[in-house]
Structures are given as structure tokens and as C-alpha cells.
PDB file of all heavy atoms in Angstrom:
ATOM      1  N   SER A   1     -37.470 -94.953 -49.478  1.00  0.00           N
ATOM      2  CA  SER A   1     -36.138 -95.514 -49.249  1.00  0.00           C
ATOM      3  C   SER A   1     -35.103 -94.874 -50.168  1.00  0.00           C
ATOM      4  O   SER A   1     -33.989 -94.549 -49.739  1.00  0.00           O
ATOM      5  CB  SER A   1     -36.174 -97.032 -49.465  1.00  0.00           C
ATOM      6  OG  SER A   1     -34.887 -97.593 -49.304  1.00  0.00           O
ATOM      7  N   VAL A   2     -35.456 -94.684 -51.437  1.00  0.00           N
ATOM      8  CA  VAL A   2     -34.555 -94.040 -52.401  1.00  0.00           C
ATOM      9  C   VAL A   2     -34.223 -92.623 -51.951  1.00  0.00           C
ATOM     10  O   VAL A   2     -33.061 -92.201 -51.969  1.00  0.00           O
ATOM     11  CB  VAL A   2     -35.200 -94.015 -53.808  1.00  0.00           C
ATOM     12  CG1 VAL A   2     -34.415 -93.096 -54.750  1.00  0.00           C
ATOM     13  CG2 VAL A   2     -35.269 -95.419 -54.383  1.00  0.00           C
ATOM     14  N   ILE A   3     -35.247 -91.891 -51.525  1.00  0.00           N
ATOM     15  CA  ILE A   3     -35.056 -90.508 -51.098  1.00  0.00           C
ATOM     16  C   ILE A   3     -34.238 -90.421 -49.810  1.00  0.00           C
ATOM     17  O   ILE A   3     -33.292 -89.640 -49.700  1.00  0.00           O
ATOM     18  CB  ILE A   3     -36.422 -89.819 -50.908  1.00  0.00           C
ATOM     19  CG1 ILE A   3     -37.116 -89.666 -52.261  1.00  0.00           C
ATOM     20  CG2 ILE A   3     -36.249 -88.444 -50.243  1.00  0.00           C
ATOM     21  CD1 ILE A   3     -38.545 -89.193 -52.172  1.00  0.00           C
ATOM     22  N   GLU A   4     -34.583 -91.247 -48.829  1.00  0.00           N
ATOM     23  CA  GLU A   4     -33.893 -91.203 -47.540  1.00  0.00           C
ATOM     24  C   GLU A   4     -32.438 -91.638 -47.663  1.00  0.00           C
ATOM     25  O   GLU A   4     -31.578 -91.135 -46.944  1.00  0.00           O
ATOM     26  CB  GLU A   4     -34.625 -92.062 -46.520  1.00  0.00           C
ATOM     27  CG  GLU A   4     -35.951 -91.454 -46.063  1.00  0.00           C
ATOM     28  CD  GLU A   4     -36.646 -92.281 -45.008  1.00  0.00           C
ATOM     29  OE1 GLU A   4     -36.399 -93.517 -44.965  1.00  0.00           O
ATOM     30  OE2 GLU A   4     -37.435 -91.713 -44.230  1.00  0.00           O
ATOM     31  N   SER A   5     -32.153 -92.557 -48.571  1.00  0.00           N
ATOM     32  CA  SER A   5     -30.778 -92.999 -48.783  1.00  0.00           C
ATOM     33  C   SER A   5     -29.911 -91.836 -49.252  1.00  0.00           C
ATOM     34  O   SER A   5     -28.786 -91.630 -48.755  1.00  0.00           O
ATOM     35  CB  SER A   5     -30.753 -94.128 -49.822  1.00  0.00           C
ATOM     36  OG  SER A   5     -29.422 -94.527 -50.085  1.00  0.00           O
ATOM     37  N   HIS A   6     -30.421 -91.049 -50.184  1.00  0.00           N
ATOM     38  CA  HIS A   6     -29.664 -89.888 -50.665  1.00  0.00           C
ATOM     39  C   HIS A   6     -29.563 -88.824 -49.584  1.00  0.00           C
ATOM     40  O   HIS A   6     -28.517 -88.185 -49.422  1.00  0.00           O
ATOM     41  CB  HIS A   6     -30.329 -89.308 -51.910  1.00  0.00           C
ATOM     42  CG  HIS A   6     -29.641 -88.090 -52.429  1.00  0.00           C
ATOM     43  ND1 HIS A   6     -28.339 -88.116 -52.901  1.00  0.00           N
ATOM     44  CD2 HIS A   6     -30.040 -86.795 -52.530  1.00  0.00           C
ATOM     45  CE1 HIS A   6     -27.977 -86.894 -53.270  1.00  0.00           C
ATOM     46  NE2 HIS A   6     -28.988 -86.080 -53.053  1.00  0.00           N
ATOM     47  N   MET A   7     -30.630 -88.645 -48.844  1.00  0.00           N
ATOM     48  CA  MET A   7     -30.622 -87.649 -47.780  1.00  0.00           C
ATOM     49  C   MET A   7     -29.551 -87.945 -46.733  1.00  0.00           C
ATOM     50  O   MET A   7     -28.866 -87.035 -46.255  1.00  0.00           O
ATOM     51  CB  MET A   7     -31.988 -87.600 -47.093  1.00  0.00           C
ATOM     52  CG  MET A   7     -33.058 -86.890 -47.882  1.00  0.00           C
ATOM     53  SD  MET A   7     -34.628 -86.872 -46.977  1.00  0.00           S
ATOM     54  CE  MET A   7     -35.616 -85.815 -48.041  1.00  0.00           C
ATOM     55  N   SER A   8     -29.406 -89.211 -46.384  1.00  0.00           N
ATOM     56  CA  SER A   8     -28.417 -89.578 -45.365  1.00  0.00           C
ATOM     57  C   SER A   8     -27.001 -89.267 -45.832  1.00  0.00           C
ATOM     58  O   SER A   8     -26.156 -88.827 -45.047  1.00  0.00           O
ATOM     59  CB  SER A   8     -28.550 -91.065 -44.998  1.00  0.00           C
ATOM     60  OG  SER A   8     -28.244 -91.890 -46.101  1.00  0.00           O
ATOM     61  N   ILE A   9     -26.755 -89.460 -47.134  1.00  0.00           N
ATOM     62  CA  ILE A   9     -25.440 -89.141 -47.700  1.00  0.00           C
ATOM     63  C   ILE A   9     -25.212 -87.630 -47.680  1.00  0.00           C
ATOM     64  O   ILE A   9     -24.147 -87.146 -47.295  1.00  0.00           O
ATOM     65  CB  ILE A   9     -25.332 -89.683 -49.143  1.00  0.00           C
ATOM     66  CG1 ILE A   9     -25.365 -91.215 -49.135  1.00  0.00           C
ATOM     67  CG2 ILE A   9     -24.050 -89.172 -49.811  1.00  0.00           C
ATOM     68  CD1 ILE A   9     -25.458 -91.828 -50.512  1.00  0.00           C
ATOM     69  N   GLU A  10     -26.240 -86.869 -48.084  1.00  0.00           N
ATOM     70  CA  GLU A  10     -26.137 -85.409 -48.091  1.00  0.00           C
ATOM     71  C   GLU A  10     -25.881 -84.859 -46.698  1.00  0.00           C
ATOM     72  O   GLU A  10     -25.087 -83.925 -46.519  1.00  0.00           O
ATOM     73  CB  GLU A  10     -27.429 -84.798 -48.644  1.00  0.00           C
ATOM     74  CG  GLU A  10     -27.482 -84.701 -50.143  1.00  0.00           C
ATOM     75  CD  GLU A  10     -28.588 -83.793 -50.625  1.00  0.00           C
ATOM     76  OE1 GLU A  10     -29.654 -83.745 -49.966  1.00  0.00           O
ATOM     77  OE2 GLU A  10     -28.406 -83.140 -51.671  1.00  0.00           O
ATOM     78  N   GLU A  11     -26.574 -85.422 -45.707  1.00  0.00           N
ATOM     79  CA  GLU A  11     -26.437 -84.920 -44.344  1.00  0.00           C
ATOM     80  C   GLU A  11     -25.050 -85.177 -43.778  1.00  0.00           C
ATOM     81  O   GLU A  11     -24.546 -84.397 -42.964  1.00  0.00           O
ATOM     82  CB  GLU A  11     -27.521 -85.532 -43.459  1.00  0.00           C
ATOM     83  CG  GLU A  11     -28.906 -84.941 -43.758  1.00  0.00           C
ATOM     84  CD  GLU A  11     -30.034 -85.667 -43.063  1.00  0.00           C
ATOM     85  OE1 GLU A  11     -29.739 -86.600 -42.276  1.00  0.00           O
ATOM     86  OE2 GLU A  11     -31.209 -85.323 -43.292  1.00  0.00           O
ATOM     87  N   GLU A  12     -24.418 -86.257 -44.215  1.00  0.00           N
ATOM     88  CA  GLU A  12     -23.034 -86.517 -43.797  1.00  0.00           C
ATOM     89  C   GLU A  12     -22.082 -85.557 -44.504  1.00  0.00           C
ATOM     90  O   GLU A  12     -21.169 -85.004 -43.892  1.00  0.00           O
ATOM     91  CB  GLU A  12     -22.650 -87.968 -44.098  1.00  0.00           C
ATOM     92  CG  GLU A  12     -23.220 -88.977 -43.119  1.00  0.00           C
ATOM     93  CD  GLU A  12     -22.767 -88.717 -41.689  1.00  0.00           C
ATOM     94  OE1 GLU A  12     -21.553 -88.514 -41.470  1.00  0.00           O
ATOM     95  OE2 GLU A  12     -23.636 -88.683 -40.795  1.00  0.00           O
ATOM     96  N   ASP A  13     -22.323 -85.366 -45.809  1.00  0.00           N
ATOM     97  CA  ASP A  13     -21.442 -84.490 -46.593  1.00  0.00           C
ATOM     98  C   ASP A  13     -21.506 -83.044 -46.116  1.00  0.00           C
ATOM     99  O   ASP A  13     -20.499 -82.338 -46.093  1.00  0.00           O
ATOM    100  CB  ASP A  13     -21.823 -84.556 -48.078  1.00  0.00           C
ATOM    101  CG  ASP A  13     -21.460 -85.889 -48.715  1.00  0.00           C
ATOM    102  OD1 ASP A  13     -20.654 -86.626 -48.107  1.00  0.00           O
ATOM    103  OD2 ASP A  13     -21.980 -86.182 -49.805  1.00  0.00           O
ATOM    104  N   ILE A  14     -22.696 -82.602 -45.738  1.00  0.00           N
ATOM    105  CA  ILE A  14     -22.885 -81.189 -45.399  1.00  0.00           C
ATOM    106  C   ILE A  14     -22.175 -80.808 -44.107  1.00  0.00           C
ATOM    107  O   ILE A  14     -21.899 -79.630 -43.859  1.00  0.00           O
ATOM    108  CB  ILE A  14     -24.391 -80.848 -45.308  1.00  0.00           C
ATOM    109  CG1 ILE A  14     -24.612 -79.355 -45.585  1.00  0.00           C
ATOM    110  CG2 ILE A  14     -24.970 -81.215 -43.956  1.00  0.00           C
ATOM    111  CD1 ILE A  14     -24.240 -78.936 -46.990  1.00  0.00           C
ATOM    112  N   LYS A  15     -21.840 -81.794 -43.295  1.00  0.00           N
ATOM    113  CA  LYS A  15     -21.140 -81.507 -42.043  1.00  0.00           C
ATOM    114  C   LYS A  15     -19.754 -80.919 -42.294  1.00  0.00           C
ATOM    115  O   LYS A  15     -19.190 -80.249 -41.440  1.00  0.00           O
ATOM    116  CB  LYS A  15     -21.035 -82.779 -41.201  1.00  0.00           C
ATOM    117  CG  LYS A  15     -22.377 -83.263 -40.656  1.00  0.00           C
ATOM    118  CD  LYS A  15     -22.235 -84.571 -39.908  1.00  0.00           C
ATOM    119  CE  LYS A  15     -23.581 -85.073 -39.409  1.00  0.00           C
ATOM    120  NZ  LYS A  15     -23.484 -86.378 -38.722  1.00  0.00           N
ATOM    121  N   ASN A  16     -19.223 -81.198 -43.488  1.00  0.00           N
ATOM    122  CA  ASN A  16     -17.899 -80.679 -43.841  1.00  0.00           C
ATOM    123  C   ASN A  16     -17.979 -79.450 -44.734  1.00  0.00           C
ATOM    124  O   ASN A  16     -16.972 -78.987 -45.271  1.00  0.00           O
ATOM    125  CB  ASN A  16     -17.087 -81.766 -44.558  1.00  0.00           C
ATOM    126  CG  ASN A  16     -16.862 -82.991 -43.680  1.00  0.00           C
ATOM    127  OD1 ASN A  16     -16.550 -82.855 -42.505  1.00  0.00           O
ATOM    128  ND2 ASN A  16     -17.033 -84.167 -44.255  1.00  0.00           N
ATOM    129  N   TYR A  17     -19.180 -78.912 -44.882  1.00  0.00           N
ATOM    130  CA  TYR A  17     -19.381 -77.772 -45.781  1.00  0.00           C
ATOM    131  C   TYR A  17     -19.022 -76.458 -45.097  1.00  0.00           C
ATOM    132  O   TYR A  17     -19.283 -76.258 -43.908  1.00  0.00           O
ATOM    133  CB  TYR A  17     -20.844 -77.724 -46.230  1.00  0.00           C
ATOM    134  CG  TYR A  17     -21.176 -76.546 -47.124  1.00  0.00           C
ATOM    135  CD1 TYR A  17     -20.941 -76.602 -48.490  1.00  0.00           C
ATOM    136  CD2 TYR A  17     -21.720 -75.376 -46.578  1.00  0.00           C
ATOM    137  CE1 TYR A  17     -21.234 -75.512 -49.308  1.00  0.00           C
ATOM    138  CE2 TYR A  17     -22.027 -74.285 -47.397  1.00  0.00           C
ATOM    139  CZ  TYR A  17     -21.778 -74.359 -48.755  1.00  0.00           C
ATOM    140  OH  TYR A  17     -22.075 -73.293 -49.554  1.00  0.00           O
ATOM    141  N   SER A  18     -18.418 -75.555 -45.869  1.00  0.00           N
ATOM    142  CA  SER A  18     -18.156 -74.190 -45.410  1.00  0.00           C
ATOM    143  C   SER A  18     -18.840 -73.245 -46.375  1.00  0.00           C
ATOM    144  O   SER A  18     -18.855 -73.499 -47.591  1.00  0.00           O
ATOM    145  CB  SER A  18     -16.652 -73.892 -45.388  1.00  0.00           C
ATOM    146  OG  SER A  18     -15.992 -74.747 -44.477  1.00  0.00           O
ATOM    147  N   PRO A  19     -19.437 -72.164 -45.885  1.00  0.00           N
ATOM    148  CA  PRO A  19     -20.128 -71.207 -46.761  1.00  0.00           C
ATOM    149  C   PRO A  19     -19.258 -70.782 -47.938  1.00  0.00           C
ATOM    150  O   PRO A  19     -18.092 -70.425 -47.772  1.00  0.00           O
ATOM    151  CB  PRO A  19     -20.426 -70.031 -45.823  1.00  0.00           C
ATOM    152  CG  PRO A  19     -20.575 -70.671 -44.479  1.00  0.00           C
ATOM    153  CD  PRO A  19     -19.539 -71.769 -44.459  1.00  0.00           C
ATOM    154  N   GLY A  20     -19.834 -70.859 -49.134  1.00  0.00           N
ATOM    155  CA  GLY A  20     -19.110 -70.470 -50.337  1.00  0.00           C
ATOM    156  C   GLY A  20     -18.400 -71.628 -51.019  1.00  0.00           C
ATOM    157  O   GLY A  20     -17.890 -71.473 -52.134  1.00  0.00           O
ATOM    158  N   MET A  21     -18.343 -72.784 -50.366  1.00  0.00           N
ATOM    159  CA  MET A  21     -17.659 -73.950 -50.929  1.00  0.00           C
ATOM    160  C   MET A  21     -18.388 -74.434 -52.185  1.00  0.00           C
ATOM    161  O   MET A  21     -19.622 -74.470 -52.240  1.00  0.00           O
ATOM    162  CB  MET A  21     -17.608 -75.077 -49.890  1.00  0.00           C
ATOM    163  CG  MET A  21     -16.891 -76.334 -50.367  1.00  0.00           C
ATOM    164  SD  MET A  21     -16.995 -77.662 -49.124  1.00  0.00           S
ATOM    165  CE  MET A  21     -16.000 -76.974 -47.798  1.00  0.00           C
ATOM    166  N   ASN A  22     -17.629 -74.804 -53.216  1.00  0.00           N
ATOM    167  CA  ASN A  22     -18.223 -75.368 -54.424  1.00  0.00           C
ATOM    168  C   ASN A  22     -18.711 -76.787 -54.151  1.00  0.00           C
ATOM    169  O   ASN A  22     -18.055 -77.551 -53.442  1.00  0.00           O
ATOM    170  CB  ASN A  22     -17.210 -75.388 -55.569  1.00  0.00           C
ATOM    171  CG  ASN A  22     -16.895 -74.004 -56.098  1.00  0.00           C
ATOM    172  OD1 ASN A  22     -17.758 -73.119 -56.089  1.00  0.00           O
ATOM    173  ND2 ASN A  22     -15.672 -73.806 -56.558  1.00  0.00           N
ATOM    174  N   ILE A  23     -19.866 -77.124 -54.714  1.00  0.00           N
ATOM    175  CA  ILE A  23     -20.450 -78.446 -54.508  1.00  0.00           C
ATOM    176  C   ILE A  23     -20.664 -79.123 -55.857  1.00  0.00           C
ATOM    177  O   ILE A  23     -21.200 -78.516 -56.795  1.00  0.00           O
ATOM    178  CB  ILE A  23     -21.798 -78.351 -53.763  1.00  0.00           C
ATOM    179  CG1 ILE A  23     -21.582 -77.815 -52.350  1.00  0.00           C
ATOM    180  CG2 ILE A  23     -22.484 -79.705 -53.708  1.00  0.00           C
ATOM    181  CD1 ILE A  23     -22.854 -77.696 -51.543  1.00  0.00           C
ATOM    182  N   ASP A  24     -20.235 -80.377 -55.966  1.00  0.00           N
ATOM    183  CA  ASP A  24     -20.470 -81.177 -57.163  1.00  0.00           C
ATOM    184  C   ASP A  24     -21.917 -81.672 -57.121  1.00  0.00           C
ATOM    185  O   ASP A  24     -22.314 -82.399 -56.207  1.00  0.00           O
ATOM    186  CB  ASP A  24     -19.497 -82.359 -57.189  1.00  0.00           C
ATOM    187  CG  ASP A  24     -19.629 -83.180 -58.470  1.00  0.00           C
ATOM    188  OD1 ASP A  24     -20.520 -82.870 -59.292  1.00  0.00           O
ATOM    189  OD2 ASP A  24     -18.850 -84.142 -58.634  1.00  0.00           O
TER     190      ASP A  24
END
């Protein structure tokens, strides 16, 4: 559950990612 919770957030965030973009 801990892992999947973070994964779901990452998968939403990555939809707005562009190659070369800085990531916090």
C-alpha cells in the first residue's frame, strides 16, 4: 500500500513531464 500510493502520485506527475525537465 505504501509503495502503490507513491506510484500513483508519480504516474500522475509524469504525465506532465517533458524530456530534460528538472524533477524535485
